[in-house]
Amino acid sequence: MTLESMSPWLPYFWAALIAFSILVYIIVDGYDLGAALLFATAKTDEERNTVIGAIAPFWDGNETWLIIVGACLFGAFPAIYAIFLSAFYLPVVLLLVGLIFRGVAFEFREQALKARGLWEWGFVIGSAVATIVQGAAIGTMIQGLPIQGTTYVGNGWDWLAPFPVLCGIGLMIGYGMLGAGWLILKTEGVVAKRARAQLRGLSIAFSIFVLVAFLVTQDIDLPVRQAWESSPLWHWIVPALGFVGLLGAFRTTRHDCQHERAPFAWCMLMMASAFGSLALSFWPYMMPYSLTIEQAAAPAVSLQFMFWGAIVMFPLVVFYFLRVYHMFSGKTDPVGYEIHS
């Protein structure tokens, strides 16, 4: 089978690669953004250093997946890239500012002893801004963008509508759950104990968010509701797994529960299920609900050229990613990690 004969499938290959990269980003950058939000509840320098130590080896590498998503969109689906930037120009700027500011604050808090509190709050606020605009963008996609052909015809403020803002709050809660699960996994003592209690409250808050979001979608005529009303029965297995993950995360917050891996695993299942449910809602559209994957794809020659680069580079990225997580496996403390060879 030649690459030319595979051309009809290449748009779906690139869509799957982008979807996988988004899912990985949601989980890995989700937990470090969530841990950064919970950083605000740490009461002592030792606790704050412990939270920082739990994410320090990973956080900048986690954002690599966002770069992969952007690069793949630019090359494989340039029309989607253009529409997305037109519709979310300000949110993208805010996202980048938030990520840059949290990165600067992350490093400067160690050096600026007199202004450490200021940089620590900058770390939290930058993380919150990055999270909210991501959720607002997701909510806007669910709500649907005004598109004519391959041109965005909205006013650029669709992401500030009530439903996208609600989704921004919901993503903060979801990332907070991932962050709490990660802190339970990677820390000990007071930080881990508090994270378990926070996971309990966040699980309840996320349940309320899901209920409110469901009621909102029933009250307003959203395309996503129509998609689920006509979906096959097996599609409902995916959101059902999300509820299993939510319930599992809640159950691990019992005082007598000693599981350290289970909370994060259940939270990952919940977020992966939420992403899978969205993917099923959007299928076969690349830009809901206007452009399908085939309509939005770049010319076949471009997809073929990029294919060889992906075959070589993507496994290397995954290998490096897994290697880093292996090297820094185990518990952390305010001093850091013992690196595993």
Protein backbone atom coordinates (compact mmCIF):
# COMPACT_ATOMS: atom_id res chain seq x y z
CA MET A 1 0.00 0.00 0.00
CA THR A 2 1.50 3.31 -1.13
CA LEU A 3 1.11 6.66 0.57
CA GLU A 4 -0.85 7.88 -2.45
CA SER A 5 -3.39 5.10 -1.99
CA MET A 6 -3.71 6.13 1.66
CA SER A 7 -4.47 9.75 0.77
CA PRO A 8 -8.23 9.47 1.50
CA TRP A 9 -7.36 8.38 5.05
CA LEU A 10 -4.69 10.96 5.77
CA PRO A 11 -7.15 13.67 6.93
CA TYR A 12 -8.46 11.21 9.51
CA PHE A 13 -4.92 10.26 10.53
CA TRP A 14 -4.13 13.91 11.22
CA ALA A 15 -7.45 14.48 12.97
CA ALA A 16 -6.72 11.47 15.21
CA LEU A 17 -3.19 12.72 15.92
CA ILE A 18 -4.52 16.15 16.88
CA ALA A 19 -7.26 14.61 19.04
CA PHE A 20 -4.70 12.41 20.82
CA SER A 21 -2.41 15.39 21.43
CA ILE A 22 -5.29 17.47 22.81
CA LEU A 23 -6.27 14.63 25.14
CA VAL A 24 -2.71 14.25 26.44
CA TYR A 25 -2.47 18.01 26.91
CA ILE A 26 -5.75 18.14 28.84
CA ILE A 27 -4.52 15.48 31.25
CA VAL A 28 -0.87 16.45 31.74
CA ASP A 29 -1.10 20.23 31.60
CA GLY A 30 -4.47 19.92 33.31
CA TYR A 31 -2.93 18.45 36.43
CA ASP A 32 -0.14 21.01 36.64
CA LEU A 33 -2.54 23.91 36.03
CA GLY A 34 -4.84 22.37 38.64
CA ALA A 35 -1.99 21.96 41.11
CA ALA A 36 -1.09 25.61 40.50
CA LEU A 37 -4.66 26.61 41.38
CA LEU A 38 -4.48 24.55 44.58
CA PHE A 39 -1.09 26.14 45.30
CA ALA A 40 -3.07 29.13 46.58
CA THR A 41 -4.31 27.03 49.53
CA ALA A 42 -0.82 26.08 50.77
CA LYS A 43 -0.19 27.67 54.15
CA THR A 44 3.60 27.54 54.59
CA ASP A 45 6.68 27.91 52.41
CA GLU A 46 7.40 24.21 52.86
CA GLU A 47 3.93 23.27 51.59
CA ARG A 48 4.24 25.66 48.65
CA ASN A 49 7.67 24.26 47.79
CA THR A 50 6.23 20.75 47.93
CA VAL A 51 3.48 21.64 45.46
CA ILE A 52 6.03 23.29 43.17
CA GLY A 53 8.30 20.27 43.47
CA ALA A 54 5.49 17.96 42.40
CA ILE A 55 5.11 19.69 39.02
CA ALA A 56 8.52 21.32 38.44
CA PRO A 57 10.10 18.53 36.33
CA PHE A 58 7.08 18.23 34.05
CA TRP A 59 5.16 21.47 33.57
CA ASP A 60 7.10 23.01 30.67
CA GLY A 61 7.31 19.67 28.84
CA ASN A 62 3.57 19.20 29.27
CA GLU A 63 2.94 22.33 27.22
CA THR A 64 4.78 20.72 24.29
CA TRP A 65 1.53 18.98 23.42
CA LEU A 66 -0.17 22.33 22.89
CA ILE A 67 2.57 23.27 20.42
CA ILE A 68 2.06 19.96 18.61
CA VAL A 69 -1.66 20.69 18.30
CA GLY A 70 -1.01 24.14 16.85
CA ALA A 71 1.63 22.88 14.40
CA CYS A 72 -0.57 20.02 13.17
CA LEU A 73 -3.57 22.33 12.74
CA PHE A 74 -1.47 24.83 10.80
CA GLY A 75 -0.16 22.19 8.40
CA ALA A 76 -3.01 19.70 8.10
CA PHE A 77 -6.07 21.90 8.60
CA PRO A 78 -5.08 25.49 7.73
CA ALA A 79 -8.70 26.59 7.34
CA ILE A 80 -9.46 25.49 10.92
CA TYR A 81 -6.31 27.22 12.14
CA ALA A 82 -7.40 30.47 10.48
CA ILE A 83 -10.98 30.24 11.76
CA PHE A 84 -9.83 29.41 15.28
CA LEU A 85 -7.46 32.37 15.48
CA SER A 86 -10.09 34.70 14.04
CA ALA A 87 -12.71 33.56 16.55
CA PHE A 88 -10.39 33.27 19.55
CA TYR A 89 -7.74 35.91 18.93
CA LEU A 90 -8.07 37.50 22.37
CA PRO A 91 -8.46 34.18 24.26
CA VAL A 92 -5.32 32.85 22.53
CA VAL A 93 -3.42 35.99 23.53
CA LEU A 94 -4.70 35.65 27.11
CA LEU A 95 -3.74 31.96 27.09
CA LEU A 96 -0.20 32.75 25.98
CA VAL A 97 0.12 35.63 28.45
CA GLY A 98 -1.15 33.39 31.25
CA LEU A 99 1.26 30.57 30.38
CA ILE A 100 4.19 32.96 29.98
CA PHE A 101 3.42 34.81 33.20
CA ARG A 102 3.07 31.59 35.20
CA GLY A 103 6.39 30.42 33.78
CA VAL A 104 8.14 33.64 34.75
CA ALA A 105 6.53 33.61 38.19
CA PHE A 106 7.50 29.95 38.60
CA GLU A 107 11.18 30.84 38.22
CA PHE A 108 11.23 34.27 39.88
CA ARG A 109 9.60 33.17 43.14
CA GLU A 110 12.85 31.41 44.03
CA GLN A 111 14.97 34.52 43.47
CA ALA A 112 12.79 37.45 44.57
CA LEU A 113 12.63 36.86 48.30
CA LYS A 114 11.03 40.22 49.12
CA ALA A 115 8.43 39.97 46.35
CA ARG A 116 7.92 36.21 46.58
CA GLY A 117 4.26 36.58 47.55
CA LEU A 118 3.61 38.72 44.48
CA TRP A 119 5.17 36.16 42.14
CA GLU A 120 3.30 33.33 43.84
CA TRP A 121 -0.01 35.05 43.21
CA GLY A 122 1.14 35.70 39.65
CA PHE A 123 1.71 31.97 39.31
CA VAL A 124 -1.84 31.25 40.48
CA ILE A 125 -3.50 34.00 38.44
CA GLY A 126 -1.61 33.08 35.26
CA SER A 127 -2.72 29.47 35.67
CA ALA A 128 -6.33 30.52 36.31
CA VAL A 129 -6.42 32.74 33.21
CA ALA A 130 -4.96 29.97 31.02
CA THR A 131 -7.53 27.51 32.34
CA ILE A 132 -10.59 29.74 32.03
CA VAL A 133 -9.90 30.75 28.42
CA GLN A 134 -9.39 27.12 27.44
CA GLY A 135 -12.76 26.22 28.93
CA ALA A 136 -14.42 29.24 27.34
CA ALA A 137 -13.06 28.21 23.93
CA ILE A 138 -14.45 24.70 24.42
CA GLY A 139 -17.83 26.13 25.41
CA THR A 140 -17.87 28.37 22.35
CA MET A 141 -17.13 25.39 20.09
CA ILE A 142 -20.01 23.49 21.69
CA GLN A 143 -22.26 26.50 21.24
CA GLY A 144 -21.25 26.77 17.59
CA LEU A 145 -19.40 29.49 15.70
CA PRO A 146 -20.92 31.69 12.97
CA ILE A 147 -19.06 30.57 9.85
CA GLN A 148 -19.71 31.18 6.17
CA GLY A 149 -17.70 28.82 4.00
CA THR A 150 -14.26 28.92 5.59
CA THR A 151 -14.61 32.41 7.07
CA TYR A 152 -15.49 33.32 10.63
CA VAL A 153 -18.19 36.01 10.57
CA GLY A 154 -18.69 36.59 14.30
CA ASN A 155 -17.60 39.59 16.33
CA GLY A 156 -14.83 37.86 18.30
CA TRP A 157 -16.70 38.01 21.61
CA ASP A 158 -18.68 34.75 21.38
CA TRP A 159 -16.44 33.23 24.06
CA LEU A 160 -17.82 35.66 26.66
CA ALA A 161 -21.38 34.34 26.37
CA PRO A 162 -22.80 32.70 29.54
CA PHE A 163 -22.38 29.10 28.38
CA PRO A 164 -18.67 29.44 27.43
CA VAL A 165 -17.99 31.20 30.74
CA LEU A 166 -19.76 28.33 32.53
CA CYS A 167 -17.50 25.89 30.68
CA GLY A 168 -14.46 27.92 31.75
CA ILE A 169 -15.50 27.51 35.39
CA GLY A 170 -16.16 23.82 34.81
CA LEU A 171 -12.70 23.28 33.35
CA MET A 172 -11.16 25.00 36.37
CA ILE A 173 -12.93 22.48 38.58
CA GLY A 174 -11.89 19.57 36.36
CA TYR A 175 -8.26 20.69 36.28
CA GLY A 176 -8.44 21.21 40.04
CA MET A 177 -9.50 17.57 40.41
CA LEU A 178 -6.57 16.44 38.27
CA GLY A 179 -4.24 18.63 40.32
CA ALA A 180 -5.54 17.22 43.60
CA GLY A 181 -5.15 13.66 42.29
CA TRP A 182 -1.59 14.43 41.21
CA LEU A 183 -0.68 15.90 44.60
CA ILE A 184 -2.08 12.82 46.34
CA LEU A 185 0.09 10.70 44.05
CA LYS A 186 3.31 12.70 44.32
CA THR A 187 3.34 14.21 47.82
CA GLU A 188 3.01 13.12 51.42
CA GLY A 189 1.92 14.60 54.71
CA VAL A 190 -0.19 17.73 55.02
CA VAL A 191 -0.20 18.53 51.29
CA ALA A 192 -1.47 15.09 50.30
CA LYS A 193 -4.05 15.06 53.09
CA ARG A 194 -5.39 18.47 52.10
CA ALA A 195 -5.44 17.46 48.42
CA ARG A 196 -7.62 14.46 49.26
CA ALA A 197 -10.08 16.71 51.09
CA GLN A 198 -10.02 19.18 48.20
CA LEU A 199 -10.71 16.39 45.73
CA ARG A 200 -13.85 15.55 47.65
CA GLY A 201 -15.18 19.11 47.44
CA LEU A 202 -14.14 19.46 43.80
CA SER A 203 -15.90 16.20 42.92
CA ILE A 204 -19.13 17.58 44.34
CA ALA A 205 -18.60 20.90 42.55
CA PHE A 206 -17.98 19.12 39.24
CA SER A 207 -21.17 17.11 39.69
CA ILE A 208 -23.07 20.38 40.13
CA PHE A 209 -21.39 21.81 37.03
CA VAL A 210 -22.39 18.79 34.93
CA LEU A 211 -25.99 19.10 36.13
CA VAL A 212 -26.12 22.84 35.40
CA ALA A 213 -24.50 22.38 31.98
CA PHE A 214 -27.02 19.65 31.14
CA LEU A 215 -29.94 21.87 32.13
CA VAL A 216 -28.54 24.75 30.09
CA THR A 217 -28.22 22.57 26.98
CA GLN A 218 -31.86 21.56 27.44
CA ASP A 219 -32.97 25.16 27.80
CA ILE A 220 -31.19 26.52 24.72
CA ASP A 221 -31.11 24.91 21.29
CA LEU A 222 -27.50 23.73 21.00
CA PRO A 223 -26.35 21.54 18.09
CA VAL A 224 -24.63 19.22 20.56
CA ARG A 225 -28.00 18.27 22.04
CA GLN A 226 -29.30 17.33 18.61
CA ALA A 227 -26.16 15.29 17.97
CA TRP A 228 -26.69 13.22 21.10
CA GLU A 229 -30.41 12.79 20.51
CA SER A 230 -29.64 11.07 17.19
CA SER A 231 -26.50 9.22 18.33
CA PRO A 232 -26.20 5.41 18.52
CA LEU A 233 -26.81 3.83 21.90
CA TRP A 234 -23.18 2.75 22.29
CA HIS A 235 -22.06 6.40 22.28
CA TRP A 236 -23.55 6.73 25.76
CA ILE A 237 -20.94 4.33 27.11
CA VAL A 238 -18.35 7.12 26.88
CA PRO A 239 -20.09 9.68 29.15
CA ALA A 240 -21.12 6.80 31.43
CA LEU A 241 -17.42 6.06 31.96
CA GLY A 242 -17.01 9.69 32.95
CA PHE A 243 -19.58 9.31 35.70
CA VAL A 244 -17.79 6.15 36.83
CA GLY A 245 -14.55 8.15 37.03
CA LEU A 246 -16.24 10.95 38.95
CA LEU A 247 -17.77 8.50 41.43
CA GLY A 248 -14.47 6.64 41.75
CA ALA A 249 -12.59 9.87 42.48
CA PHE A 250 -15.15 10.79 45.12
CA ARG A 251 -14.90 7.38 46.80
CA THR A 252 -11.11 7.66 47.11
CA THR A 253 -11.53 10.73 49.33
CA ARG A 254 -12.76 8.67 52.28
CA HIS A 255 -10.66 9.07 55.42
CA ASP A 256 -9.91 5.35 55.50
CA CYS A 257 -8.81 5.21 51.85
CA GLN A 258 -5.06 4.70 51.46
CA HIS A 259 -4.92 4.51 47.67
CA GLU A 260 -2.44 6.97 46.18
CA ARG A 261 -2.66 6.11 42.48
CA ALA A 262 -6.41 5.59 42.26
CA PRO A 263 -7.52 9.24 42.71
CA PHE A 264 -5.47 10.48 39.77
CA ALA A 265 -6.42 7.46 37.66
CA TRP A 266 -10.15 8.07 38.26
CA CYS A 267 -9.73 11.77 37.43
CA MET A 268 -7.93 10.87 34.21
CA LEU A 269 -10.78 8.55 33.27
CA MET A 270 -13.29 11.31 33.95
CA MET A 271 -11.48 13.91 31.84
CA ALA A 272 -10.73 11.44 29.04
CA SER A 273 -14.40 10.51 28.97
CA ALA A 274 -15.42 14.17 28.82
CA PHE A 275 -13.07 14.70 25.89
CA GLY A 276 -14.31 11.53 24.19
CA SER A 277 -17.91 12.67 24.62
CA LEU A 278 -17.06 15.99 22.95
CA ALA A 279 -15.28 14.20 20.11
CA LEU A 280 -18.36 12.04 19.50
CA SER A 281 -20.54 15.16 19.64
CA PHE A 282 -18.42 16.87 16.98
CA TRP A 283 -17.90 13.89 14.65
CA PRO A 284 -17.37 14.09 11.68
CA TYR A 285 -16.80 17.84 11.93
CA MET A 286 -13.40 19.39 12.38
CA MET A 287 -15.04 22.73 13.12
CA PRO A 288 -18.41 22.07 14.76
CA TYR A 289 -20.80 22.17 13.03
CA SER A 290 -19.60 23.73 9.82
CA LEU A 291 -16.60 21.98 8.25
CA THR A 292 -16.05 18.23 8.16
CA ILE A 293 -12.61 16.67 8.46
CA GLU A 294 -12.38 16.10 4.71
CA GLN A 295 -13.62 19.59 3.85
CA ALA A 296 -11.11 21.28 6.15
CA ALA A 297 -8.07 19.18 5.22
CA ALA A 298 -5.06 20.58 3.39
CA PRO A 299 -4.22 19.27 -0.11
CA ALA A 300 -3.19 15.62 -0.23
CA VAL A 301 0.40 16.46 -1.18
CA SER A 302 0.79 18.53 2.01
CA LEU A 303 -0.64 15.76 4.18
CA GLN A 304 1.68 13.22 2.54
CA PHE A 305 4.74 15.42 3.05
CA MET A 306 3.90 15.98 6.72
CA PHE A 307 3.17 12.29 7.26
CA TRP A 308 6.85 11.30 7.09
CA GLY A 309 7.83 13.95 9.59
CA ALA A 310 5.14 12.77 11.98
CA ILE A 311 6.22 9.13 11.64
CA VAL A 312 9.77 10.07 12.65
CA MET A 313 9.23 12.83 15.20
CA PHE A 314 6.08 11.84 17.05
CA PRO A 315 7.49 8.56 18.47
CA LEU A 316 10.57 10.49 19.63
CA VAL A 317 8.37 13.00 21.46
CA VAL A 318 6.41 10.20 23.12
CA PHE A 319 9.62 8.36 24.09
CA TYR A 320 11.14 11.50 25.62
CA PHE A 321 7.88 12.27 27.40
CA LEU A 322 7.66 8.80 28.95
CA ARG A 323 11.36 8.83 29.83
CA VAL A 324 11.01 12.06 31.79
CA TYR A 325 8.08 10.68 33.75
CA HIS A 326 10.06 7.53 34.52
CA MET A 327 13.10 9.50 35.67
CA PHE A 328 11.02 11.59 38.07
CA SER A 329 8.69 8.87 39.27
CA GLY A 330 8.02 8.47 42.97
CA LYS A 331 7.32 10.97 45.69
CA THR A 332 8.68 14.48 45.81
CA ASP A 333 9.57 16.80 48.66
CA PRO A 334 10.54 20.48 48.92
CA VAL A 335 14.11 19.59 47.92
CA GLY A 336 13.24 17.69 44.75
CA TYR A 337 13.43 14.21 43.27
CA GLU A 338 15.85 11.37 43.34
CA ILE A 339 16.36 10.71 39.62
CA HIS A 340 15.80 7.11 38.53
CA SER A 341 18.09 5.79 35.81
